[in-house]
């Protein structure tokens, strides 16, 4: 059975809501932010994907550095646009958080920086 994108978002939303101790209104705002962000990202991501596929084909069949460079520039611009849309959506949501909730979010962000190290420590049996 295939799940809708909304169904895939429910568990992470519930976890974020619990950890940040969001109100019901804030939880709805988070869900709305995720949905609108995803809608805004969809056409950008599709264009980046199409450009990546075109680049792969071009690399297999051509030695045209100008065309290759143009596609790389377009891909990079699309990736920057994706990051900007995501940053803006997160910032809009963060604006409705209380100072305590903002501190919790900052803690999670800091913890995510060491997540790869945690996996490494688990792999060598130190955790």
PDB file of N, CA and C in Angstrom:
ATOM      1  N   UNK A   1       0.841  -1.175   0.000  1.00  0.00           N
ATOM      2  CA  UNK A   1       0.000   0.000   0.000  1.00  0.00           C
ATOM      3  C   UNK A   1       0.890   1.243   0.000  1.00  0.00           C
ATOM      4  N   UNK A   2       0.635   2.165  -0.915  1.00  0.00           N
ATOM      5  CA  UNK A   2       1.388   3.401  -0.991  1.00  0.00           C
ATOM      6  C   UNK A   2       0.785   4.427  -0.044  1.00  0.00           C
ATOM      7  N   UNK A   3       1.659   5.139   0.643  1.00  0.00           N
ATOM      8  CA  UNK A   3       1.199   6.167   1.560  1.00  0.00           C
ATOM      9  C   UNK A   3       1.349   7.533   0.914  1.00  0.00           C
ATOM     10  N   UNK A   4       0.456   8.417   1.231  1.00  0.00           N
ATOM     11  CA  UNK A   4       0.537   9.778   0.707  1.00  0.00           C
ATOM     12  C   UNK A   4       1.703  10.507   1.380  1.00  0.00           C
ATOM     13  N   UNK A   5       2.190  11.584   0.750  1.00  0.00           N
ATOM     14  CA  UNK A   5       3.245  12.366   1.392  1.00  0.00           C
ATOM     15  C   UNK A   5       2.815  12.873   2.764  1.00  0.00           C
ATOM     16  N   UNK A   6       1.531  13.167   2.925  1.00  0.00           N
ATOM     17  CA  UNK A   6       1.038  13.629   4.218  1.00  0.00           C
ATOM     18  C   UNK A   6       1.198  12.529   5.270  1.00  0.00           C
ATOM     19  N   UNK A   7       0.906  11.285   4.896  1.00  0.00           N
ATOM     20  CA  UNK A   7       1.053  10.178   5.839  1.00  0.00           C
ATOM     21  C   UNK A   7       2.511  10.013   6.248  1.00  0.00           C
ATOM     22  N   UNK A   8       3.430  10.191   5.311  1.00  0.00           N
ATOM     23  CA  UNK A   8       4.855  10.093   5.628  1.00  0.00           C
ATOM     24  C   UNK A   8       5.284  11.209   6.571  1.00  0.00           C
ATOM     25  N   UNK A   9       4.630  12.351   6.508  1.00  0.00           N
ATOM     26  CA  UNK A   9       4.997  13.497   7.343  1.00  0.00           C
ATOM     27  C   UNK A   9       4.449  13.380   8.755  1.00  0.00           C
ATOM     28  N   UNK A  10       3.429  12.572   8.977  1.00  0.00           N
ATOM     29  CA  UNK A  10       2.750  12.542  10.270  1.00  0.00           C
ATOM     30  C   UNK A  10       3.667  12.131  11.418  1.00  0.00           C
ATOM     31  N   UNK A  11       4.445  11.063  11.256  1.00  0.00           N
ATOM     32  CA  UNK A  11       5.286  10.613  12.359  1.00  0.00           C
ATOM     33  C   UNK A  11       6.364  11.646  12.712  1.00  0.00           C
ATOM     34  N   UNK A  12       7.109  12.174  11.734  1.00  0.00           N
ATOM     35  CA  UNK A  12       8.091  13.208  12.093  1.00  0.00           C
ATOM     36  C   UNK A  12       7.437  14.453  12.712  1.00  0.00           C
ATOM     37  N   UNK A  13       6.256  14.807  12.238  1.00  0.00           N
ATOM     38  CA  UNK A  13       5.540  15.957  12.804  1.00  0.00           C
ATOM     39  C   UNK A  13       5.185  15.671  14.257  1.00  0.00           C
ATOM     40  N   UNK A  14       4.695  14.471  14.512  1.00  0.00           N
ATOM     41  CA  UNK A  14       4.326  14.102  15.889  1.00  0.00           C
ATOM     42  C   UNK A  14       5.554  14.127  16.797  1.00  0.00           C
ATOM     43  N   UNK A  15       6.679  13.618  16.307  1.00  0.00           N
ATOM     44  CA  UNK A  15       7.901  13.611  17.116  1.00  0.00           C
ATOM     45  C   UNK A  15       8.373  15.034  17.374  1.00  0.00           C
ATOM     46  N   UNK A  16       8.421  15.868  16.323  1.00  0.00           N
ATOM     47  CA  UNK A  16       8.840  17.258  16.494  1.00  0.00           C
ATOM     48  C   UNK A  16       7.906  17.985  17.456  1.00  0.00           C
ATOM     49  N   UNK A  17       6.616  17.740  17.312  1.00  0.00           N
ATOM     50  CA  UNK A  17       5.631  18.374  18.184  1.00  0.00           C
ATOM     51  C   UNK A  17       5.869  17.972  19.639  1.00  0.00           C
ATOM     52  N   UNK A  18       6.145  16.702  19.851  1.00  0.00           N
ATOM     53  CA  UNK A  18       6.382  16.216  21.219  1.00  0.00           C
ATOM     54  C   UNK A  18       7.671  16.803  21.801  1.00  0.00           C
ATOM     55  N   UNK A  19       8.755  16.726  21.045  1.00  0.00           N
ATOM     56  CA  UNK A  19      10.055  17.189  21.549  1.00  0.00           C
ATOM     57  C   UNK A  19      10.043  18.690  21.813  1.00  0.00           C
ATOM     58  N   UNK A  20       9.433  19.435  20.899  1.00  0.00           N
ATOM     59  CA  UNK A  20       9.388  20.891  21.068  1.00  0.00           C
ATOM     60  C   UNK A  20       8.248  21.337  21.978  1.00  0.00           C
ATOM     61  N   UNK A  21       7.376  20.388  22.353  1.00  0.00           N
ATOM     62  CA  UNK A  21       6.208  20.665  23.179  1.00  0.00           C
ATOM     63  C   UNK A  21       5.333  21.750  22.535  1.00  0.00           C
ATOM     64  N   UNK A  22       4.970  21.480  21.276  1.00  0.00           N
ATOM     65  CA  UNK A  22       4.154  22.424  20.523  1.00  0.00           C
ATOM     66  C   UNK A  22       2.700  22.358  20.970  1.00  0.00           C
ATOM     67  N   UNK A  23       2.047  23.488  20.875  1.00  0.00           N
ATOM     68  CA  UNK A  23       0.605  23.517  21.095  1.00  0.00           C
ATOM     69  C   UNK A  23      -0.059  22.911  19.859  1.00  0.00           C
ATOM     70  N   UNK A  24      -1.350  22.658  19.967  1.00  0.00           N
ATOM     71  CA  UNK A  24      -2.080  22.123  18.812  1.00  0.00           C
ATOM     72  C   UNK A  24      -2.006  23.100  17.635  1.00  0.00           C
ATOM     73  N   UNK A  25      -2.135  24.372  17.923  1.00  0.00           N
ATOM     74  CA  UNK A  25      -2.064  25.405  16.873  1.00  0.00           C
ATOM     75  C   UNK A  25      -0.680  25.417  16.217  1.00  0.00           C
ATOM     76  N   UNK A  26       0.367  25.305  17.024  1.00  0.00           N
ATOM     77  CA  UNK A  26       1.722  25.281  16.479  1.00  0.00           C
ATOM     78  C   UNK A  26       1.958  24.020  15.645  1.00  0.00           C
ATOM     79  N   UNK A  27       1.392  22.901  16.085  1.00  0.00           N
ATOM     80  CA  UNK A  27       1.529  21.659  15.337  1.00  0.00           C
ATOM     81  C   UNK A  27       0.866  21.790  13.966  1.00  0.00           C
ATOM     82  N   UNK A  28      -0.297  22.411  13.938  1.00  0.00           N
ATOM     83  CA  UNK A  28      -0.978  22.647  12.655  1.00  0.00           C
ATOM     84  C   UNK A  28      -0.141  23.587  11.769  1.00  0.00           C
ATOM     85  N   UNK A  29       0.476  24.576  12.395  1.00  0.00           N
ATOM     86  CA  UNK A  29       1.330  25.503  11.638  1.00  0.00           C
ATOM     87  C   UNK A  29       2.550  24.774  11.073  1.00  0.00           C
ATOM     88  N   UNK A  30       3.100  23.845  11.847  1.00  0.00           N
ATOM     89  CA  UNK A  30       4.238  23.057  11.365  1.00  0.00           C
ATOM     90  C   UNK A  30       3.826  22.211  10.176  1.00  0.00           C
ATOM     91  N   UNK A  31       2.703  21.558  10.278  1.00  0.00           N
ATOM     92  CA  UNK A  31       2.199  20.739   9.176  1.00  0.00           C
ATOM     93  C   UNK A  31       1.958  21.593   7.937  1.00  0.00           C
ATOM     94  N   UNK A  32       1.357  22.759   8.121  1.00  0.00           N
ATOM     95  CA  UNK A  32       1.106  23.664   6.995  1.00  0.00           C
ATOM     96  C   UNK A  32       2.422  24.126   6.374  1.00  0.00           C
ATOM     97  N   UNK A  33       3.416  24.417   7.209  1.00  0.00           N
ATOM     98  CA  UNK A  33       4.723  24.842   6.696  1.00  0.00           C
ATOM     99  C   UNK A  33       5.341  23.739   5.855  1.00  0.00           C
ATOM    100  N   UNK A  34       5.294  22.507   6.342  1.00  0.00           N
ATOM    101  CA  UNK A  34       5.878  21.377   5.610  1.00  0.00           C
ATOM    102  C   UNK A  34       5.170  21.215   4.268  1.00  0.00           C
ATOM    103  N   UNK A  35       3.848  21.284   4.281  1.00  0.00           N
ATOM    104  CA  UNK A  35       3.095  21.115   3.039  1.00  0.00           C
ATOM    105  C   UNK A  35       3.393  22.227   2.038  1.00  0.00           C
ATOM    106  N   UNK A  36       3.386  23.470   2.482  1.00  0.00           N
ATOM    107  CA  UNK A  36       3.634  24.574   1.548  1.00  0.00           C
ATOM    108  C   UNK A  36       5.082  24.582   1.083  1.00  0.00           C
ATOM    109  N   UNK A  37       6.008  24.245   1.966  1.00  0.00           N
ATOM    110  CA  UNK A  37       7.418  24.149   1.568  1.00  0.00           C
ATOM    111  C   UNK A  37       7.592  23.079   0.496  1.00  0.00           C
ATOM    112  N   UNK A  38       6.989  21.921   0.727  1.00  0.00           N
ATOM    113  CA  UNK A  38       7.112  20.830  -0.242  1.00  0.00           C
ATOM    114  C   UNK A  38       6.502  21.195  -1.591  1.00  0.00           C
ATOM    115  N   UNK A  39       5.375  21.897  -1.562  1.00  0.00           N
ATOM    116  CA  UNK A  39       4.757  22.340  -2.814  1.00  0.00           C
ATOM    117  C   UNK A  39       5.655  23.325  -3.548  1.00  0.00           C
ATOM    118  N   UNK A  40       6.303  24.217  -2.810  1.00  0.00           N
ATOM    119  CA  UNK A  40       7.205  25.191  -3.422  1.00  0.00           C
ATOM    120  C   UNK A  40       8.468  24.516  -3.956  1.00  0.00           C
ATOM    121  N   UNK A  41       8.918  23.473  -3.270  1.00  0.00           N
ATOM    122  CA  UNK A  41      10.151  22.794  -3.672  1.00  0.00           C
ATOM    123  C   UNK A  41       9.965  21.854  -4.861  1.00  0.00           C
ATOM    124  N   UNK A  42       8.773  21.321  -5.017  1.00  0.00           N
ATOM    125  CA  UNK A  42       8.530  20.304  -6.048  1.00  0.00           C
ATOM    126  C   UNK A  42       9.000  20.735  -7.443  1.00  0.00           C
ATOM    127  N   UNK A  43       8.557  21.889  -7.968  1.00  0.00           N
ATOM    128  CA  UNK A  43       8.996  22.246  -9.324  1.00  0.00           C
ATOM    129  C   UNK A  43      10.496  22.527  -9.410  1.00  0.00           C
ATOM    130  N   UNK A  44      11.065  23.069  -8.346  1.00  0.00           N
ATOM    131  CA  UNK A  44      12.510  23.340  -8.347  1.00  0.00           C
ATOM    132  C   UNK A  44      13.279  22.025  -8.371  1.00  0.00           C
ATOM    133  N   UNK A  45      12.873  21.087  -7.521  1.00  0.00           N
ATOM    134  CA  UNK A  45      13.540  19.789  -7.459  1.00  0.00           C
ATOM    135  C   UNK A  45      13.391  19.026  -8.770  1.00  0.00           C
ATOM    136  N   UNK A  46      12.223  19.134  -9.388  1.00  0.00           N
ATOM    137  CA  UNK A  46      12.025  18.462 -10.677  1.00  0.00           C
ATOM    138  C   UNK A  46      12.954  19.034 -11.732  1.00  0.00           C
ATOM    139  N   UNK A  47      13.135  20.347 -11.725  1.00  0.00           N
ATOM    140  CA  UNK A  47      14.031  20.971 -12.702  1.00  0.00           C
ATOM    141  C   UNK A  47      15.484  20.561 -12.442  1.00  0.00           C
ATOM    142  N   UNK A  48      15.894  20.544 -11.189  1.00  0.00           N
ATOM    143  CA  UNK A  48      17.258  20.121 -10.847  1.00  0.00           C
ATOM    144  C   UNK A  48      17.470  18.683 -11.303  1.00  0.00           C
ATOM    145  N   UNK A  49      16.497  17.829 -11.037  1.00  0.00           N
ATOM    146  CA  UNK A  49      16.600  16.422 -11.431  1.00  0.00           C
ATOM    147  C   UNK A  49      16.715  16.288 -12.950  1.00  0.00           C
ATOM    148  N   UNK A  50      15.883  17.030 -13.666  1.00  0.00           N
ATOM    149  CA  UNK A  50      15.939  16.988 -15.136  1.00  0.00           C
ATOM    150  C   UNK A  50      17.298  17.477 -15.635  1.00  0.00           C
ATOM    151  N   UNK A  51      17.827  18.518 -15.022  1.00  0.00           N
ATOM    152  CA  UNK A  51      19.143  19.029 -15.413  1.00  0.00           C
ATOM    153  C   UNK A  51      20.245  18.021 -15.101  1.00  0.00           C
ATOM    154  N   UNK A  52      20.119  17.316 -13.973  1.00  0.00           N
ATOM    155  CA  UNK A  52      21.107  16.288 -13.633  1.00  0.00           C
ATOM    156  C   UNK A  52      21.072  15.148 -14.650  1.00  0.00           C
ATOM    157  N   UNK A  53      19.872  14.756 -15.056  1.00  0.00           N
ATOM    158  CA  UNK A  53      19.757  13.709 -16.074  1.00  0.00           C
ATOM    159  C   UNK A  53      20.336  14.179 -17.404  1.00  0.00           C
ATOM    160  N   UNK A  54      20.048  15.424 -17.778  1.00  0.00           N
ATOM    161  CA  UNK A  54      20.586  15.976 -19.022  1.00  0.00           C
ATOM    162  C   UNK A  54      22.110  16.048 -18.957  1.00  0.00           C
ATOM    163  N   UNK A  55      22.640  16.402 -17.804  1.00  0.00           N
ATOM    164  CA  UNK A  55      24.089  16.457 -17.631  1.00  0.00           C
ATOM    165  C   UNK A  55      24.710  15.076 -17.794  1.00  0.00           C
ATOM    166  N   UNK A  56      24.095  14.074 -17.191  1.00  0.00           N
ATOM    167  CA  UNK A  56      24.614  12.710 -17.308  1.00  0.00           C
ATOM    168  C   UNK A  56      24.643  12.265 -18.770  1.00  0.00           C
ATOM    169  N   UNK A  57      23.577  12.536 -19.490  1.00  0.00           N
ATOM    170  CA  UNK A  57      23.532  12.177 -20.918  1.00  0.00           C
ATOM    171  C   UNK A  57      24.580  12.947 -21.707  1.00  0.00           C
ATOM    172  N   UNK A  58      24.717  14.212 -21.398  1.00  0.00           N
ATOM    173  CA  UNK A  58      25.686  15.046 -22.099  1.00  0.00           C
ATOM    174  C   UNK A  58      27.108  14.573 -21.833  1.00  0.00           C
ATOM    175  N   UNK A  59      27.383  14.175 -20.604  1.00  0.00           N
ATOM    176  CA  UNK A  59      28.726  13.684 -20.271  1.00  0.00           C
ATOM    177  C   UNK A  59      29.049  12.384 -21.002  1.00  0.00           C
ATOM    178  N   UNK A  60      28.020  11.574 -21.260  1.00  0.00           N
ATOM    179  CA  UNK A  60      28.225  10.317 -21.977  1.00  0.00           C
ATOM    180  C   UNK A  60      28.418  10.525 -23.470  1.00  0.00           C
ATOM    181  N   UNK A  61      27.828  11.583 -24.013  1.00  0.00           N
ATOM    182  CA  UNK A  61      27.790  11.694 -25.464  1.00  0.00           C
ATOM    183  C   UNK A  61      28.511  12.909 -26.039  1.00  0.00           C
ATOM    184  N   UNK A  62      29.028  13.789 -25.219  1.00  0.00           N
ATOM    185  CA  UNK A  62      29.559  15.021 -25.771  1.00  0.00           C
ATOM    186  C   UNK A  62      30.765  15.512 -24.988  1.00  0.00           C
ATOM    187  N   UNK A  63      31.554  16.288 -25.659  1.00  0.00           N
ATOM    188  CA  UNK A  63      32.678  16.961 -25.011  1.00  0.00           C
ATOM    189  C   UNK A  63      32.484  18.468 -25.070  1.00  0.00           C
ATOM    190  N   UNK A  64      31.253  18.918 -24.983  1.00  0.00           N
ATOM    191  CA  UNK A  64      30.942  20.335 -25.089  1.00  0.00           C
ATOM    192  C   UNK A  64      31.041  20.986 -23.712  1.00  0.00           C
ATOM    193  N   UNK A  65      32.201  21.563 -23.393  1.00  0.00           N
ATOM    194  CA  UNK A  65      32.384  22.133 -22.060  1.00  0.00           C
ATOM    195  C   UNK A  65      31.410  23.266 -21.742  1.00  0.00           C
ATOM    196  N   UNK A  66      31.027  24.034 -22.755  1.00  0.00           N
ATOM    197  CA  UNK A  66      30.099  25.148 -22.506  1.00  0.00           C
ATOM    198  C   UNK A  66      28.731  24.623 -22.077  1.00  0.00           C
ATOM    199  N   UNK A  67      28.232  23.605 -22.745  1.00  0.00           N
ATOM    200  CA  UNK A  67      26.928  23.031 -22.389  1.00  0.00           C
ATOM    201  C   UNK A  67      26.994  22.363 -21.019  1.00  0.00           C
ATOM    202  N   UNK A  68      28.088  21.660 -20.775  1.00  0.00           N
ATOM    203  CA  UNK A  68      28.263  21.001 -19.471  1.00  0.00           C
ATOM    204  C   UNK A  68      28.316  22.057 -18.367  1.00  0.00           C
ATOM    205  N   UNK A  69      29.076  23.098 -18.585  1.00  0.00           N
ATOM    206  CA  UNK A  69      29.191  24.173 -17.600  1.00  0.00           C
ATOM    207  C   UNK A  69      27.862  24.863 -17.344  1.00  0.00           C
ATOM    208  N   UNK A  70      27.110  25.098 -18.420  1.00  0.00           N
ATOM    209  CA  UNK A  70      25.802  25.749 -18.271  1.00  0.00           C
ATOM    210  C   UNK A  70      24.867  24.909 -17.416  1.00  0.00           C
ATOM    211  N   UNK A  71      24.875  23.590 -17.644  1.00  0.00           N
ATOM    212  CA  UNK A  71      24.018  22.709 -16.841  1.00  0.00           C
ATOM    213  C   UNK A  71      24.474  22.675 -15.390  1.00  0.00           C
ATOM    214  N   UNK A  72      25.770  22.643 -15.164  1.00  0.00           N
ATOM    215  CA  UNK A  72      26.277  22.653 -13.790  1.00  0.00           C
ATOM    216  C   UNK A  72      25.869  23.931 -13.065  1.00  0.00           C
ATOM    217  N   UNK A  73      25.926  25.042 -13.763  1.00  0.00           N
ATOM    218  CA  UNK A  73      25.515  26.316 -13.164  1.00  0.00           C
ATOM    219  C   UNK A  73      24.023  26.294 -12.846  1.00  0.00           C
ATOM    220  N   UNK A  74      23.213  25.771 -13.751  1.00  0.00           N
ATOM    221  CA  UNK A  74      21.763  25.674 -13.503  1.00  0.00           C
ATOM    222  C   UNK A  74      21.465  24.757 -12.325  1.00  0.00           C
ATOM    223  N   UNK A  75      22.166  23.633 -12.249  1.00  0.00           N
ATOM    224  CA  UNK A  75      21.965  22.686 -11.134  1.00  0.00           C
ATOM    225  C   UNK A  75      22.325  23.366  -9.817  1.00  0.00           C
ATOM    226  N   UNK A  76      23.456  24.039  -9.806  1.00  0.00           N
ATOM    227  CA  UNK A  76      23.894  24.718  -8.582  1.00  0.00           C
ATOM    228  C   UNK A  76      22.894  25.804  -8.169  1.00  0.00           C
ATOM    229  N   UNK A  77      22.410  26.560  -9.140  1.00  0.00           N
ATOM    230  CA  UNK A  77      21.420  27.607  -8.842  1.00  0.00           C
ATOM    231  C   UNK A  77      20.142  26.990  -8.271  1.00  0.00           C
ATOM    232  N   UNK A  78      19.713  25.866  -8.830  1.00  0.00           N
ATOM    233  CA  UNK A  78      18.528  25.184  -8.314  1.00  0.00           C
ATOM    234  C   UNK A  78      18.735  24.683  -6.902  1.00  0.00           C
ATOM    235  N   UNK A  79      19.926  24.143  -6.631  1.00  0.00           N
ATOM    236  CA  UNK A  79      20.227  23.660  -5.285  1.00  0.00           C
ATOM    237  C   UNK A  79      20.226  24.810  -4.278  1.00  0.00           C
ATOM    238  N   UNK A  80      20.765  25.941  -4.685  1.00  0.00           N
ATOM    239  CA  UNK A  80      20.746  27.116  -3.809  1.00  0.00           C
ATOM    240  C   UNK A  80      19.315  27.584  -3.566  1.00  0.00           C
ATOM    241  N   UNK A  81      18.484  27.524  -4.602  1.00  0.00           N
ATOM    242  CA  UNK A  81      17.085  27.931  -4.469  1.00  0.00           C
ATOM    243  C   UNK A  81      16.346  26.994  -3.507  1.00  0.00           C
ATOM    244  N   UNK A  82      16.612  25.697  -3.611  1.00  0.00           N
ATOM    245  CA  UNK A  82      16.013  24.715  -2.696  1.00  0.00           C
ATOM    246  C   UNK A  82      16.392  25.053  -1.259  1.00  0.00           C
ATOM    247  N   UNK A  83      17.675  25.309  -1.025  1.00  0.00           N
ATOM    248  CA  UNK A  83      18.143  25.624   0.324  1.00  0.00           C
ATOM    249  C   UNK A  83      17.479  26.900   0.845  1.00  0.00           C
ATOM    250  N   UNK A  84      17.335  27.898  -0.019  1.00  0.00           N
ATOM    251  CA  UNK A  84      16.722  29.166   0.388  1.00  0.00           C
ATOM    252  C   UNK A  84      15.249  28.982   0.748  1.00  0.00           C
ATOM    253  N   UNK A  85      14.520  28.230  -0.056  1.00  0.00           N
ATOM    254  CA  UNK A  85      13.103  27.974   0.241  1.00  0.00           C
ATOM    255  C   UNK A  85      12.980  27.249   1.585  1.00  0.00           C
ATOM    256  N   UNK A  86      13.819  26.260   1.798  1.00  0.00           N
ATOM    257  CA  UNK A  86      13.779  25.497   3.055  1.00  0.00           C
ATOM    258  C   UNK A  86      14.129  26.391   4.245  1.00  0.00           C
ATOM    259  N   UNK A  87      15.161  27.219   4.097  1.00  0.00           N
ATOM    260  CA  UNK A  87      15.552  28.134   5.180  1.00  0.00           C
ATOM    261  C   UNK A  87      14.425  29.115   5.513  1.00  0.00           C
ATOM    262  N   UNK A  88      13.816  29.673   4.473  1.00  0.00           N
ATOM    263  CA  UNK A  88      12.734  30.635   4.700  1.00  0.00           C
ATOM    264  C   UNK A  88      11.537  29.988   5.388  1.00  0.00           C
ATOM    265  N   UNK A  89      11.186  28.788   4.967  1.00  0.00           N
ATOM    266  CA  UNK A  89      10.052  28.088   5.583  1.00  0.00           C
ATOM    267  C   UNK A  89      10.337  27.815   7.059  1.00  0.00           C
ATOM    268  N   UNK A  90      11.543  27.343   7.358  1.00  0.00           N
ATOM    269  CA  UNK A  90      11.908  27.065   8.745  1.00  0.00           C
ATOM    270  C   UNK A  90      11.888  28.344   9.575  1.00  0.00           C
ATOM    271  N   UNK A  91      12.408  29.424   9.018  1.00  0.00           N
ATOM    272  CA  UNK A  91      12.439  30.696   9.751  1.00  0.00           C
ATOM    273  C   UNK A  91      11.030  31.197  10.051  1.00  0.00           C
ATOM    274  N   UNK A  92      10.124  31.048   9.097  1.00  0.00           N
ATOM    275  CA  UNK A  92       8.745  31.473   9.333  1.00  0.00           C
ATOM    276  C   UNK A  92       8.120  30.664  10.456  1.00  0.00           C
ATOM    277  N   UNK A  93       8.383  29.362  10.479  1.00  0.00           N
ATOM    278  CA  UNK A  93       7.830  28.538  11.547  1.00  0.00           C
ATOM    279  C   UNK A  93       8.470  28.894  12.884  1.00  0.00           C
ATOM    280  N   UNK A  94       9.781  29.067  12.887  1.00  0.00           N
ATOM    281  CA  UNK A  94      10.487  29.379  14.131  1.00  0.00           C
ATOM    282  C   UNK A  94       9.971  30.660  14.778  1.00  0.00           C
ATOM    283  N   UNK A  95       9.473  31.567  13.977  1.00  0.00           N
ATOM    284  CA  UNK A  95       8.974  32.836  14.504  1.00  0.00           C
ATOM    285  C   UNK A  95       7.789  32.652  15.449  1.00  0.00           C
ATOM    286  N   UNK A  96       7.078  31.532  15.346  1.00  0.00           N
ATOM    287  CA  UNK A  96       5.922  31.319  16.236  1.00  0.00           C
ATOM    288  C   UNK A  96       6.284  30.492  17.466  1.00  0.00           C
ATOM    289  N   UNK A  97       7.550  30.100  17.588  1.00  0.00           N
ATOM    290  CA  UNK A  97       7.970  29.318  18.748  1.00  0.00           C
ATOM    291  C   UNK A  97       8.242  30.223  19.946  1.00  0.00           C
ATOM    292  N   UNK A  98       8.006  29.677  21.125  1.00  0.00           N
ATOM    293  CA  UNK A  98       8.363  30.387  22.349  1.00  0.00           C
ATOM    294  C   UNK A  98       9.885  30.327  22.504  1.00  0.00           C
ATOM    295  N   UNK A  99      10.459  31.167  23.364  1.00  0.00           N
ATOM    296  CA  UNK A  99      11.908  31.079  23.586  1.00  0.00           C
ATOM    297  C   UNK A  99      12.361  29.688  24.037  1.00  0.00           C
ATOM    298  N   UNK A 100      11.581  29.037  24.900  1.00  0.00           N
ATOM    299  CA  UNK A 100      11.927  27.670  25.342  1.00  0.00           C
ATOM    300  C   UNK A 100      11.953  26.703  24.167  1.00  0.00           C
ATOM    301  N   UNK A 101      10.952  26.804  23.304  1.00  0.00           N
ATOM    302  CA  UNK A 101      10.880  25.924  22.134  1.00  0.00           C
ATOM    303  C   UNK A 101      12.031  26.214  21.171  1.00  0.00           C
ATOM    304  N   UNK A 102      12.398  27.472  21.031  1.00  0.00           N
ATOM    305  CA  UNK A 102      13.534  27.820  20.182  1.00  0.00           C
ATOM    306  C   UNK A 102      14.821  27.228  20.739  1.00  0.00           C
ATOM    307  N   UNK A 103      14.976  27.223  22.069  1.00  0.00           N
ATOM    308  CA  UNK A 103      16.155  26.617  22.692  1.00  0.00           C
ATOM    309  C   UNK A 103      16.186  25.114  22.435  1.00  0.00           C
ATOM    310  N   UNK A 104      15.042  24.454  22.531  1.00  0.00           N
ATOM    311  CA  UNK A 104      14.982  23.015  22.254  1.00  0.00           C
ATOM    312  C   UNK A 104      15.378  22.737  20.804  1.00  0.00           C
ATOM    313  N   UNK A 105      14.854  23.550  19.890  1.00  0.00           N
ATOM    314  CA  UNK A 105      15.181  23.373  18.476  1.00  0.00           C
ATOM    315  C   UNK A 105      16.677  23.578  18.244  1.00  0.00           C
ATOM    316  N   UNK A 106      17.245  24.583  18.878  1.00  0.00           N
ATOM    317  CA  UNK A 106      18.680  24.838  18.741  1.00  0.00           C
ATOM    318  C   UNK A 106      19.483  23.656  19.279  1.00  0.00           C
ATOM    319  N   UNK A 107      19.051  23.079  20.382  1.00  0.00           N
ATOM    320  CA  UNK A 107      19.725  21.904  20.943  1.00  0.00           C
ATOM    321  C   UNK A 107      19.696  20.746  19.946  1.00  0.00           C
ATOM    322  N   UNK A 108      18.547  20.504  19.321  1.00  0.00           N
ATOM    323  CA  UNK A 108      18.419  19.425  18.341  1.00  0.00           C
ATOM    324  C   UNK A 108      19.346  19.693  17.168  1.00  0.00           C
ATOM    325  N   UNK A 109      19.401  20.932  16.723  1.00  0.00           N
ATOM    326  CA  UNK A 109      20.300  21.283  15.606  1.00  0.00           C
ATOM    327  C   UNK A 109      21.758  21.029  15.978  1.00  0.00           C
ATOM    328  N   UNK A 110      22.133  21.392  17.176  1.00  0.00           N
ATOM    329  CA  UNK A 110      23.514  21.153  17.614  1.00  0.00           C
ATOM    330  C   UNK A 110      23.792  19.659  17.721  1.00  0.00           C
ATOM    331  N   UNK A 111      22.838  18.915  18.248  1.00  0.00           N
ATOM    332  CA  UNK A 111      23.011  17.465  18.374  1.00  0.00           C
ATOM    333  C   UNK A 111      23.145  16.814  17.002  1.00  0.00           C
ATOM    334  N   UNK A 112      22.459  17.351  16.007  1.00  0.00           N
ATOM    335  CA  UNK A 112      22.543  16.758  14.664  1.00  0.00           C
ATOM    336  C   UNK A 112      23.940  16.884  14.079  1.00  0.00           C
ATOM    337  N   UNK A 113      24.705  17.842  14.565  1.00  0.00           N
ATOM    338  CA  UNK A 113      26.070  18.025  14.080  1.00  0.00           C
ATOM    339  C   UNK A 113      26.981  16.852  14.481  1.00  0.00           C
ATOM    340  N   UNK A 114      26.682  16.221  15.603  1.00  0.00           N
ATOM    341  CA  UNK A 114      27.528  15.123  16.069  1.00  0.00           C
ATOM    342  C   UNK A 114      26.960  13.750  15.727  1.00  0.00           C
ATOM    343  N   UNK A 115      25.812  13.710  15.084  1.00  0.00           N
ATOM    344  CA  UNK A 115      25.163  12.439  14.753  1.00  0.00           C
ATOM    345  C   UNK A 115      26.078  11.479  13.993  1.00  0.00           C
ATOM    346  N   UNK A 116      26.849  11.923  12.995  1.00  0.00           N
ATOM    347  CA  UNK A 116      27.751  10.979  12.324  1.00  0.00           C
ATOM    348  C   UNK A 116      28.801  10.390  13.277  1.00  0.00           C
ATOM    349  N   UNK A 117      29.251  11.184  14.228  1.00  0.00           N
ATOM    350  CA  UNK A 117      30.225  10.684  15.195  1.00  0.00           C
ATOM    351  C   UNK A 117      29.590   9.627  16.092  1.00  0.00           C
ATOM    352  N   UNK A 118      28.334   9.812  16.439  1.00  0.00           N
ATOM    353  CA  UNK A 118      27.642   8.832  17.279  1.00  0.00           C
ATOM    354  C   UNK A 118      27.588   7.489  16.568  1.00  0.00           C
ATOM    355  N   UNK A 119      27.275   7.500  15.281  1.00  0.00           N
ATOM    356  CA  UNK A 119      27.259   6.250  14.512  1.00  0.00           C
ATOM    357  C   UNK A 119      28.631   5.603  14.518  1.00  0.00           C
ATOM    358  N   UNK A 120      29.670   6.387  14.379  1.00  0.00           N
ATOM    359  CA  UNK A 120      31.023   5.844  14.378  1.00  0.00           C
ATOM    360  C   UNK A 120      31.366   5.221  15.738  1.00  0.00           C
ATOM    361  N   UNK A 121      30.987   5.879  16.815  1.00  0.00           N
ATOM    362  CA  UNK A 121      31.248   5.336  18.145  1.00  0.00           C
ATOM    363  C   UNK A 121      30.466   4.055  18.381  1.00  0.00           C
ATOM    364  N   UNK A 122      29.252   3.976  17.845  1.00  0.00           N
ATOM    365  CA  UNK A 122      28.475   2.733  17.939  1.00  0.00           C
ATOM    366  C   UNK A 122      29.169   1.627  17.138  1.00  0.00           C
ATOM    367  N   UNK A 123      29.653   1.968  15.948  1.00  0.00           N
ATOM    368  CA  UNK A 123      30.287   0.980  15.088  1.00  0.00           C
ATOM    369  C   UNK A 123      31.520   0.364  15.725  1.00  0.00           C
ATOM    370  N   UNK A 124      32.240   1.154  16.516  1.00  0.00           N
ATOM    371  CA  UNK A 124      33.445   0.597  17.159  1.00  0.00           C
ATOM    372  C   UNK A 124      33.163   0.095  18.573  1.00  0.00           C
ATOM    373  N   UNK A 125      31.876   0.094  18.968  1.00  0.00           N
ATOM    374  CA  UNK A 125      31.482  -0.498  20.241  1.00  0.00           C
ATOM    375  C   UNK A 125      31.674   0.375  21.460  1.00  0.00           C
ATOM    376  N   UNK A 126      31.838   1.671  21.270  1.00  0.00           N
ATOM    377  CA  UNK A 126      31.998   2.557  22.413  1.00  0.00           C
ATOM    378  C   UNK A 126      30.695   3.151  22.928  1.00  0.00           C
ATOM    379  N   UNK A 127      29.611   2.894  22.213  1.00  0.00           N
ATOM    380  CA  UNK A 127      28.278   3.333  22.666  1.00  0.00           C
ATOM    381  C   UNK A 127      27.333   2.152  22.646  1.00  0.00           C
TER     382      UNK A 127
END
